[in-house]
């Protein structure tokens, strides 16, 4: 997490370039989601969610954090 793009990020950029060629009328946005699972885990622990339940919902909760972060970045309309 030093500001450089890693191997996965490079693959994402290559995929995005190909996708843009196929559907150029849609603007693509990049979003750094690396810490979303950590934030979701902390939130679930703070809410006293059991370990078993956390395992079941962690990906959904991380997706919520990603989407909320993106929405929060949009200018107020």
PDB file of N, CA and C in Angstrom:
ATOM      1  N   UNK A   1       0.841  -1.186   0.000  1.00  0.00           N
ATOM      2  CA  UNK A   1       0.000   0.000   0.000  1.00  0.00           C
ATOM      3  C   UNK A   1       0.885   1.248   0.000  1.00  0.00           C
ATOM      4  N   UNK A   2       1.773   1.274  -0.973  1.00  0.00           N
ATOM      5  CA  UNK A   2       2.692   2.396  -1.083  1.00  0.00           C
ATOM      6  C   UNK A   2       2.367   3.307  -2.263  1.00  0.00           C
ATOM      7  N   UNK A   3       1.170   3.189  -2.789  1.00  0.00           N
ATOM      8  CA  UNK A   3       0.761   4.039  -3.898  1.00  0.00           C
ATOM      9  C   UNK A   3       1.053   3.478  -5.278  1.00  0.00           C
ATOM     10  N   UNK A   4       1.740   2.353  -5.339  1.00  0.00           N
ATOM     11  CA  UNK A   4       2.021   1.748  -6.638  1.00  0.00           C
ATOM     12  C   UNK A   4       0.916   0.760  -6.998  1.00  0.00           C
ATOM     13  N   UNK A   5       0.825   0.469  -8.267  1.00  0.00           N
ATOM     14  CA  UNK A   5      -0.166  -0.499  -8.738  1.00  0.00           C
ATOM     15  C   UNK A   5       0.503  -1.862  -8.800  1.00  0.00           C
ATOM     16  N   UNK A   6      -0.098  -2.830  -8.127  1.00  0.00           N
ATOM     17  CA  UNK A   6       0.448  -4.178  -8.087  1.00  0.00           C
ATOM     18  C   UNK A   6       0.001  -5.007  -9.278  1.00  0.00           C
ATOM     19  N   UNK A   7       0.384  -6.278  -9.281  1.00  0.00           N
ATOM     20  CA  UNK A   7       0.032  -7.168 -10.396  1.00  0.00           C
ATOM     21  C   UNK A   7      -1.476  -7.280 -10.627  1.00  0.00           C
ATOM     22  N   UNK A   8      -2.246  -7.368  -9.549  1.00  0.00           N
ATOM     23  CA  UNK A   8      -3.710  -7.451  -9.702  1.00  0.00           C
ATOM     24  C   UNK A   8      -4.262  -6.166 -10.301  1.00  0.00           C
ATOM     25  N   UNK A   9      -3.753  -5.050  -9.826  1.00  0.00           N
ATOM     26  CA  UNK A   9      -4.193  -3.761 -10.349  1.00  0.00           C
ATOM     27  C   UNK A   9      -3.892  -3.611 -11.828  1.00  0.00           C
ATOM     28  N   UNK A  10      -2.736  -4.115 -12.243  1.00  0.00           N
ATOM     29  CA  UNK A  10      -2.379  -4.075 -13.663  1.00  0.00           C
ATOM     30  C   UNK A  10      -3.334  -4.929 -14.488  1.00  0.00           C
ATOM     31  N   UNK A  11      -3.709  -6.087 -13.955  1.00  0.00           N
ATOM     32  CA  UNK A  11      -4.683  -6.937 -14.656  1.00  0.00           C
ATOM     33  C   UNK A  11      -6.027  -6.234 -14.771  1.00  0.00           C
ATOM     34  N   UNK A  12      -6.416  -5.553 -13.718  1.00  0.00           N
ATOM     35  CA  UNK A  12      -7.682  -4.810 -13.738  1.00  0.00           C
ATOM     36  C   UNK A  12      -7.626  -3.723 -14.804  1.00  0.00           C
ATOM     37  N   UNK A  13      -6.515  -3.017 -14.873  1.00  0.00           N
ATOM     38  CA  UNK A  13      -6.384  -1.960 -15.877  1.00  0.00           C
ATOM     39  C   UNK A  13      -6.431  -2.525 -17.296  1.00  0.00           C
ATOM     40  N   UNK A  14      -5.819  -3.674 -17.514  1.00  0.00           N
ATOM     41  CA  UNK A  14      -5.870  -4.309 -18.833  1.00  0.00           C
ATOM     42  C   UNK A  14      -7.300  -4.706 -19.178  1.00  0.00           C
ATOM     43  N   UNK A  15      -7.994  -5.296 -18.206  1.00  0.00           N
ATOM     44  CA  UNK A  15      -9.385  -5.689 -18.424  1.00  0.00           C
ATOM     45  C   UNK A  15     -10.242  -4.462 -18.712  1.00  0.00           C
ATOM     46  N   UNK A  16     -10.038  -3.395 -17.950  1.00  0.00           N
ATOM     47  CA  UNK A  16     -10.815  -2.167 -18.136  1.00  0.00           C
ATOM     48  C   UNK A  16     -10.581  -1.575 -19.523  1.00  0.00           C
ATOM     49  N   UNK A  17      -9.353  -1.646 -20.009  1.00  0.00           N
ATOM     50  CA  UNK A  17      -9.050  -1.134 -21.348  1.00  0.00           C
ATOM     51  C   UNK A  17      -9.817  -1.918 -22.405  1.00  0.00           C
ATOM     52  N   UNK A  18      -9.845  -3.224 -22.264  1.00  0.00           N
ATOM     53  CA  UNK A  18     -10.596  -4.064 -23.210  1.00  0.00           C
ATOM     54  C   UNK A  18     -12.094  -3.805 -23.094  1.00  0.00           C
ATOM     55  N   UNK A  19     -12.569  -3.661 -21.881  1.00  0.00           N
ATOM     56  CA  UNK A  19     -13.993  -3.402 -21.659  1.00  0.00           C
ATOM     57  C   UNK A  19     -14.395  -2.061 -22.258  1.00  0.00           C
ATOM     58  N   UNK A  20     -13.545  -1.067 -22.108  1.00  0.00           N
ATOM     59  CA  UNK A  20     -13.823   0.257 -22.659  1.00  0.00           C
ATOM     60  C   UNK A  20     -13.921   0.206 -24.180  1.00  0.00           C
ATOM     61  N   UNK A  21     -13.105  -0.620 -24.804  1.00  0.00           N
ATOM     62  CA  UNK A  21     -13.188  -0.777 -26.259  1.00  0.00           C
ATOM     63  C   UNK A  21     -14.540  -1.361 -26.660  1.00  0.00           C
ATOM     64  N   UNK A  22     -15.031  -2.293 -25.853  1.00  0.00           N
ATOM     65  CA  UNK A  22     -16.283  -2.979 -26.179  1.00  0.00           C
ATOM     66  C   UNK A  22     -17.507  -2.119 -25.882  1.00  0.00           C
ATOM     67  N   UNK A  23     -17.444  -1.349 -24.807  1.00  0.00           N
ATOM     68  CA  UNK A  23     -18.595  -0.528 -24.409  1.00  0.00           C
ATOM     69  C   UNK A  23     -18.121   0.890 -24.085  1.00  0.00           C
ATOM     70  N   UNK A  24     -17.737   1.600 -25.107  1.00  0.00           N
ATOM     71  CA  UNK A  24     -17.131   2.923 -24.925  1.00  0.00           C
ATOM     72  C   UNK A  24     -18.110   3.976 -24.420  1.00  0.00           C
ATOM     73  N   UNK A  25     -19.400   3.715 -24.479  1.00  0.00           N
ATOM     74  CA  UNK A  25     -20.388   4.702 -24.037  1.00  0.00           C
ATOM     75  C   UNK A  25     -20.587   4.701 -22.517  1.00  0.00           C
ATOM     76  N   UNK A  26     -19.927   3.793 -21.822  1.00  0.00           N
ATOM     77  CA  UNK A  26     -20.041   3.725 -20.362  1.00  0.00           C
ATOM     78  C   UNK A  26     -18.702   4.120 -19.753  1.00  0.00           C
ATOM     79  N   UNK A  27     -18.746   5.086 -18.828  1.00  0.00           N
ATOM     80  CA  UNK A  27     -17.525   5.527 -18.158  1.00  0.00           C
ATOM     81  C   UNK A  27     -17.180   4.561 -17.026  1.00  0.00           C
ATOM     82  N   UNK A  28     -15.946   4.098 -17.015  1.00  0.00           N
ATOM     83  CA  UNK A  28     -15.488   3.209 -15.950  1.00  0.00           C
ATOM     84  C   UNK A  28     -14.821   4.019 -14.849  1.00  0.00           C
ATOM     85  N   UNK A  29     -15.018   3.596 -13.620  1.00  0.00           N
ATOM     86  CA  UNK A  29     -14.378   4.222 -12.464  1.00  0.00           C
ATOM     87  C   UNK A  29     -13.548   3.163 -11.760  1.00  0.00           C
ATOM     88  N   UNK A  30     -12.374   3.552 -11.327  1.00  0.00           N
ATOM     89  CA  UNK A  30     -11.547   2.672 -10.505  1.00  0.00           C
ATOM     90  C   UNK A  30     -11.816   3.010  -9.050  1.00  0.00           C
ATOM     91  N   UNK A  31     -11.861   1.977  -8.208  1.00  0.00           N
ATOM     92  CA  UNK A  31     -12.082   2.200  -6.785  1.00  0.00           C
ATOM     93  C   UNK A  31     -11.199   1.251  -5.989  1.00  0.00           C
ATOM     94  N   UNK A  32     -10.419   1.799  -5.087  1.00  0.00           N
ATOM     95  CA  UNK A  32      -9.522   0.997  -4.259  1.00  0.00           C
ATOM     96  C   UNK A  32     -10.341   0.335  -3.154  1.00  0.00           C
ATOM     97  N   UNK A  33     -10.411  -0.979  -3.187  1.00  0.00           N
ATOM     98  CA  UNK A  33     -11.244  -1.690  -2.218  1.00  0.00           C
ATOM     99  C   UNK A  33     -10.421  -2.553  -1.266  1.00  0.00           C
ATOM    100  N   UNK A  34      -9.124  -2.309  -1.233  1.00  0.00           N
ATOM    101  CA  UNK A  34      -8.249  -3.197  -0.468  1.00  0.00           C
ATOM    102  C   UNK A  34      -8.576  -3.271   1.014  1.00  0.00           C
ATOM    103  N   UNK A  35      -9.024  -2.195   1.606  1.00  0.00           N
ATOM    104  CA  UNK A  35      -9.281  -2.213   3.050  1.00  0.00           C
ATOM    105  C   UNK A  35     -10.754  -2.424   3.396  1.00  0.00           C
ATOM    106  N   UNK A  36     -11.573  -2.696   2.400  1.00  0.00           N
ATOM    107  CA  UNK A  36     -13.006  -2.845   2.663  1.00  0.00           C
ATOM    108  C   UNK A  36     -13.306  -4.038   3.564  1.00  0.00           C
ATOM    109  N   UNK A  37     -12.618  -5.140   3.384  1.00  0.00           N
ATOM    110  CA  UNK A  37     -12.859  -6.318   4.218  1.00  0.00           C
ATOM    111  C   UNK A  37     -12.425  -6.063   5.653  1.00  0.00           C
ATOM    112  N   UNK A  38     -11.322  -5.362   5.827  1.00  0.00           N
ATOM    113  CA  UNK A  38     -10.856  -5.026   7.178  1.00  0.00           C
ATOM    114  C   UNK A  38     -11.875  -4.133   7.873  1.00  0.00           C
ATOM    115  N   UNK A  39     -12.374  -3.125   7.165  1.00  0.00           N
ATOM    116  CA  UNK A  39     -13.366  -2.222   7.743  1.00  0.00           C
ATOM    117  C   UNK A  39     -14.653  -2.969   8.077  1.00  0.00           C
ATOM    118  N   UNK A  40     -15.069  -3.866   7.191  1.00  0.00           N
ATOM    119  CA  UNK A  40     -16.280  -4.648   7.435  1.00  0.00           C
ATOM    120  C   UNK A  40     -16.106  -5.542   8.655  1.00  0.00           C
ATOM    121  N   UNK A  41     -14.957  -6.176   8.756  1.00  0.00           N
ATOM    122  CA  UNK A  41     -14.675  -7.055   9.898  1.00  0.00           C
ATOM    123  C   UNK A  41     -14.728  -6.273  11.209  1.00  0.00           C
ATOM    124  N   UNK A  42     -14.098  -5.112  11.234  1.00  0.00           N
ATOM    125  CA  UNK A  42     -14.102  -4.285  12.446  1.00  0.00           C
ATOM    126  C   UNK A  42     -15.514  -3.858  12.812  1.00  0.00           C
ATOM    127  N   UNK A  43     -16.294  -3.507  11.812  1.00  0.00           N
ATOM    128  CA  UNK A  43     -17.673  -3.088  12.050  1.00  0.00           C
ATOM    129  C   UNK A  43     -18.506  -4.236  12.617  1.00  0.00           C
ATOM    130  N   UNK A  44     -18.332  -5.423  12.069  1.00  0.00           N
ATOM    131  CA  UNK A  44     -19.087  -6.582  12.547  1.00  0.00           C
ATOM    132  C   UNK A  44     -18.656  -6.979  13.957  1.00  0.00           C
ATOM    133  N   UNK A  45     -17.368  -6.879  14.246  1.00  0.00           N
ATOM    134  CA  UNK A  45     -16.884  -7.180  15.599  1.00  0.00           C
ATOM    135  C   UNK A  45     -17.455  -6.175  16.587  1.00  0.00           C
ATOM    136  N   UNK A  46     -17.453  -4.897  16.202  1.00  0.00           N
ATOM    137  CA  UNK A  46     -18.006  -3.855  17.077  1.00  0.00           C
ATOM    138  C   UNK A  46     -19.492  -4.077  17.339  1.00  0.00           C
ATOM    139  N   UNK A  47     -20.172  -4.680  16.369  1.00  0.00           N
ATOM    140  CA  UNK A  47     -21.601  -4.970  16.523  1.00  0.00           C
ATOM    141  C   UNK A  47     -21.828  -6.299  17.237  1.00  0.00           C
ATOM    142  N   UNK A  48     -20.753  -6.918  17.704  1.00  0.00           N
ATOM    143  CA  UNK A  48     -20.804  -8.172  18.456  1.00  0.00           C
ATOM    144  C   UNK A  48     -21.427  -9.318  17.649  1.00  0.00           C
ATOM    145  N   UNK A  49     -21.108  -9.356  16.360  1.00  0.00           N
ATOM    146  CA  UNK A  49     -21.585 -10.434  15.492  1.00  0.00           C
ATOM    147  C   UNK A  49     -20.664 -11.637  15.692  1.00  0.00           C
ATOM    148  N   UNK A  50     -21.248 -12.805  15.824  1.00  0.00           N
ATOM    149  CA  UNK A  50     -20.461 -14.018  16.068  1.00  0.00           C
ATOM    150  C   UNK A  50     -19.523 -14.306  14.899  1.00  0.00           C
ATOM    151  N   UNK A  51     -18.460 -15.019  15.189  1.00  0.00           N
ATOM    152  CA  UNK A  51     -17.469 -15.362  14.160  1.00  0.00           C
ATOM    153  C   UNK A  51     -18.123 -16.135  13.010  1.00  0.00           C
ATOM    154  N   UNK A  52     -18.996 -17.077  13.332  1.00  0.00           N
ATOM    155  CA  UNK A  52     -19.663 -17.878  12.295  1.00  0.00           C
ATOM    156  C   UNK A  52     -20.523 -16.990  11.394  1.00  0.00           C
ATOM    157  N   UNK A  53     -21.251 -16.079  11.993  1.00  0.00           N
ATOM    158  CA  UNK A  53     -22.106 -15.177  11.220  1.00  0.00           C
ATOM    159  C   UNK A  53     -21.255 -14.213  10.390  1.00  0.00           C
ATOM    160  N   UNK A  54     -20.132 -13.753  10.962  1.00  0.00           N
ATOM    161  CA  UNK A  54     -19.239 -12.850  10.220  1.00  0.00           C
ATOM    162  C   UNK A  54     -18.747 -13.517   8.947  1.00  0.00           C
ATOM    163  N   UNK A  55     -18.379 -14.792   9.048  1.00  0.00           N
ATOM    164  CA  UNK A  55     -17.898 -15.518   7.863  1.00  0.00           C
ATOM    165  C   UNK A  55     -18.953 -15.544   6.760  1.00  0.00           C
ATOM    166  N   UNK A  56     -20.208 -15.608   7.159  1.00  0.00           N
ATOM    167  CA  UNK A  56     -21.291 -15.687   6.176  1.00  0.00           C
ATOM    168  C   UNK A  56     -21.573 -14.348   5.502  1.00  0.00           C
ATOM    169  N   UNK A  57     -21.336 -13.251   6.205  1.00  0.00           N
ATOM    170  CA  UNK A  57     -21.757 -11.950   5.679  1.00  0.00           C
ATOM    171  C   UNK A  57     -20.611 -10.995   5.340  1.00  0.00           C
ATOM    172  N   UNK A  58     -19.374 -11.410   5.561  1.00  0.00           N
ATOM    173  CA  UNK A  58     -18.247 -10.484   5.415  1.00  0.00           C
ATOM    174  C   UNK A  58     -18.142  -9.910   4.004  1.00  0.00           C
ATOM    175  N   UNK A  59     -18.337 -10.725   2.976  1.00  0.00           N
ATOM    176  CA  UNK A  59     -18.222 -10.219   1.600  1.00  0.00           C
ATOM    177  C   UNK A  59     -19.333  -9.224   1.277  1.00  0.00           C
ATOM    178  N   UNK A  60     -20.528  -9.502   1.765  1.00  0.00           N
ATOM    179  CA  UNK A  60     -21.643  -8.576   1.543  1.00  0.00           C
ATOM    180  C   UNK A  60     -21.389  -7.255   2.253  1.00  0.00           C
ATOM    181  N   UNK A  61     -20.890  -7.345   3.465  1.00  0.00           N
ATOM    182  CA  UNK A  61     -20.605  -6.136   4.236  1.00  0.00           C
ATOM    183  C   UNK A  61     -19.473  -5.342   3.586  1.00  0.00           C
ATOM    184  N   UNK A  62     -18.464  -6.021   3.086  1.00  0.00           N
ATOM    185  CA  UNK A  62     -17.366  -5.333   2.394  1.00  0.00           C
ATOM    186  C   UNK A  62     -17.896  -4.624   1.146  1.00  0.00           C
ATOM    187  N   UNK A  63     -18.815  -5.259   0.437  1.00  0.00           N
ATOM    188  CA  UNK A  63     -19.422  -4.633  -0.740  1.00  0.00           C
ATOM    189  C   UNK A  63     -20.175  -3.368  -0.350  1.00  0.00           C
ATOM    190  N   UNK A  64     -20.828  -3.402   0.796  1.00  0.00           N
ATOM    191  CA  UNK A  64     -21.528  -2.214   1.300  1.00  0.00           C
ATOM    192  C   UNK A  64     -20.527  -1.084   1.533  1.00  0.00           C
ATOM    193  N   UNK A  65     -19.389  -1.398   2.135  1.00  0.00           N
ATOM    194  CA  UNK A  65     -18.364  -0.384   2.391  1.00  0.00           C
ATOM    195  C   UNK A  65     -17.825   0.191   1.080  1.00  0.00           C
ATOM    196  N   UNK A  66     -17.618  -0.660   0.082  1.00  0.00           N
ATOM    197  CA  UNK A  66     -17.120  -0.193  -1.216  1.00  0.00           C
ATOM    198  C   UNK A  66     -18.128   0.753  -1.854  1.00  0.00           C
ATOM    199  N   UNK A  67     -19.381   0.325  -1.911  1.00  0.00           N
ATOM    200  CA  UNK A  67     -20.415   1.152  -2.530  1.00  0.00           C
ATOM    201  C   UNK A  67     -20.610   2.458  -1.772  1.00  0.00           C
ATOM    202  N   UNK A  68     -20.635   2.392  -0.452  1.00  0.00           N
ATOM    203  CA  UNK A  68     -20.826   3.609   0.336  1.00  0.00           C
ATOM    204  C   UNK A  68     -19.664   4.577   0.133  1.00  0.00           C
ATOM    205  N   UNK A  69     -18.457   4.059   0.071  1.00  0.00           N
ATOM    206  CA  UNK A  69     -17.300   4.915  -0.182  1.00  0.00           C
ATOM    207  C   UNK A  69     -17.406   5.630  -1.516  1.00  0.00           C
ATOM    208  N   UNK A  70     -17.835   4.900  -2.532  1.00  0.00           N
ATOM    209  CA  UNK A  70     -18.003   5.512  -3.850  1.00  0.00           C
ATOM    210  C   UNK A  70     -19.101   6.567  -3.813  1.00  0.00           C
ATOM    211  N   UNK A  71     -20.236   6.226  -3.231  1.00  0.00           N
ATOM    212  CA  UNK A  71     -21.343   7.185  -3.167  1.00  0.00           C
ATOM    213  C   UNK A  71     -20.951   8.437  -2.393  1.00  0.00           C
ATOM    214  N   UNK A  72     -20.202   8.256  -1.320  1.00  0.00           N
ATOM    215  CA  UNK A  72     -19.749   9.405  -0.531  1.00  0.00           C
ATOM    216  C   UNK A  72     -18.793  10.294  -1.322  1.00  0.00           C
ATOM    217  N   UNK A  73     -18.131   9.739  -2.316  1.00  0.00           N
ATOM    218  CA  UNK A  73     -17.177  10.523  -3.105  1.00  0.00           C
ATOM    219  C   UNK A  73     -17.857  11.387  -4.163  1.00  0.00           C
ATOM    220  N   UNK A  74     -19.104  11.087  -4.468  1.00  0.00           N
ATOM    221  CA  UNK A  74     -19.817  11.853  -5.490  1.00  0.00           C
ATOM    222  C   UNK A  74     -20.177  13.232  -4.957  1.00  0.00           C
ATOM    223  N   UNK A  75     -20.178  14.229  -5.828  1.00  0.00           N
ATOM    224  CA  UNK A  75     -20.589  15.563  -5.367  1.00  0.00           C
ATOM    225  C   UNK A  75     -22.068  15.554  -4.988  1.00  0.00           C
ATOM    226  N   UNK A  76     -22.395  16.316  -3.973  1.00  0.00           N
ATOM    227  CA  UNK A  76     -23.805  16.399  -3.550  1.00  0.00           C
ATOM    228  C   UNK A  76     -24.626  17.039  -4.652  1.00  0.00           C
ATOM    229  N   UNK A  77     -25.757  16.439  -4.920  1.00  0.00           N
ATOM    230  CA  UNK A  77     -26.615  16.973  -5.982  1.00  0.00           C
ATOM    231  C   UNK A  77     -27.953  17.368  -5.425  1.00  0.00           C
TER     232      UNK A  77
END
